[in-house]
Protein backbone atom coordinates (compact mmCIF):
# COMPACT_ATOMS: atom_id res chain seq x y z
CA UNK A 1 16.37 199.66 282.71
CA UNK A 2 19.61 201.71 282.21
CA UNK A 3 21.21 200.25 285.25
CA UNK A 4 20.42 196.72 284.21
CA UNK A 5 21.78 197.33 280.62
CA UNK A 6 24.99 198.77 282.03
CA UNK A 7 25.38 195.65 284.41
CA UNK A 8 24.76 193.32 281.33
CA UNK A 9 27.30 195.20 279.20
CA UNK A 10 29.94 195.03 281.88
CA UNK A 11 29.37 191.46 282.64
CA UNK A 12 29.64 190.55 278.85
CA UNK A 13 32.87 192.47 278.79
CA UNK A 14 34.26 190.47 281.76
CA UNK A 15 33.24 187.20 280.28
CA UNK A 16 34.76 188.05 276.89
CA UNK A 17 38.08 189.18 278.49
CA UNK A 18 38.04 186.01 280.53
CA UNK A 19 37.45 183.62 277.61
CA UNK A 20 40.03 185.37 275.44
CA UNK A 21 42.65 185.11 278.22
CA UNK A 22 41.92 181.26 278.46
CA UNK A 23 41.76 180.58 274.73
CA UNK A 24 45.08 179.15 273.46
CA UNK A 25 46.60 178.93 269.99
CA UNK A 26 48.90 175.95 269.79
CA UNK A 27 50.51 177.35 266.73
CA UNK A 28 51.68 180.66 268.27
CA UNK A 29 51.84 179.51 271.85
CA UNK A 30 49.84 182.48 272.95
CA UNK A 31 46.40 183.12 274.29
CA UNK A 32 44.05 185.27 272.20
CA UNK A 33 44.42 188.07 274.73
CA UNK A 34 48.16 188.09 274.34
CA UNK A 35 47.82 188.05 270.56
CA UNK A 36 45.56 191.07 270.77
CA UNK A 37 47.90 193.12 272.98
CA UNK A 38 50.85 192.14 270.81
CA UNK A 39 49.05 193.28 267.64
CA UNK A 40 48.15 196.58 269.42
CA UNK A 41 51.85 197.10 270.46
CA UNK A 42 52.97 196.45 266.94
CA UNK A 43 50.37 198.87 265.49
CA UNK A 44 51.60 201.54 267.92
CA UNK A 45 55.10 201.09 266.94
CA UNK A 46 54.26 201.05 263.22
CA UNK A 47 52.39 204.38 263.62
CA UNK A 48 55.18 205.95 265.66
CA UNK A 49 57.67 204.98 262.92
CA UNK A 50 55.47 206.38 260.22
CA UNK A 51 55.13 209.65 262.07
CA UNK A 52 58.93 209.78 262.52
CA UNK A 53 59.63 208.98 258.97
CA UNK A 54 57.23 211.55 257.65
CA UNK A 55 58.68 214.36 259.75
CA UNK A 56 62.19 213.40 260.99
CA UNK A 57 62.77 217.07 262.22
CA UNK A 58 59.69 217.30 264.47
CA UNK A 59 60.40 217.51 268.15
CA UNK A 60 59.65 214.48 270.28
CA UNK A 61 56.76 214.83 272.66
CA UNK A 62 57.86 215.25 276.28
CA UNK A 63 54.65 215.09 278.39
CA UNK A 64 55.53 214.97 282.09
CA UNK A 65 53.35 213.60 284.76
CA UNK A 66 50.94 212.16 282.26
CA UNK A 67 49.04 208.84 282.67
CA UNK A 68 51.62 206.99 280.49
CA UNK A 69 54.54 209.31 281.06
CA UNK A 70 56.62 206.86 283.00
CA UNK A 71 57.58 204.97 279.74
CA UNK A 72 58.40 207.88 277.64
CA UNK A 73 62.10 208.28 278.21
CA UNK A 74 64.52 207.03 275.56
CA UNK A 75 66.10 204.30 277.77
CA UNK A 76 62.75 202.64 278.39
CA UNK A 77 61.84 202.76 274.71
CA UNK A 78 65.11 201.10 273.81
CA UNK A 79 64.78 198.44 276.35
CA UNK A 80 61.16 197.73 275.30
CA UNK A 81 62.22 197.57 271.67
CA UNK A 82 64.89 195.17 272.29
CA UNK A 83 62.52 192.86 274.15
CA UNK A 84 60.06 193.03 271.25
CA UNK A 85 62.82 192.29 268.72
CA UNK A 86 63.73 189.09 270.81
CA UNK A 87 60.18 188.01 270.78
CA UNK A 88 60.00 188.61 267.11
CA UNK A 89 63.21 186.42 266.66
CA UNK A 90 61.70 183.68 268.82
CA UNK A 91 58.60 183.44 266.89
CA UNK A 92 60.26 182.93 263.52
């Protein structure tokens, strides 16, 4: 019964991701999956800005060889932020 439940949950997850990737919003010119990832990115940036604003003297985390460590250097952050600013400009 547990195996069947796990299979059912995983297949529902795959179906939900597939439908959200195919659904299209004509106003924003994005799929629902793109809108969710964009929202999560903006939330992460907002949280990071709040942490920096609340304690500007705190040292920046420098994890190395972590799962997401490849994007942690300042050059990559600047490039990503530049791309996101251009996307914001294009939407308005």
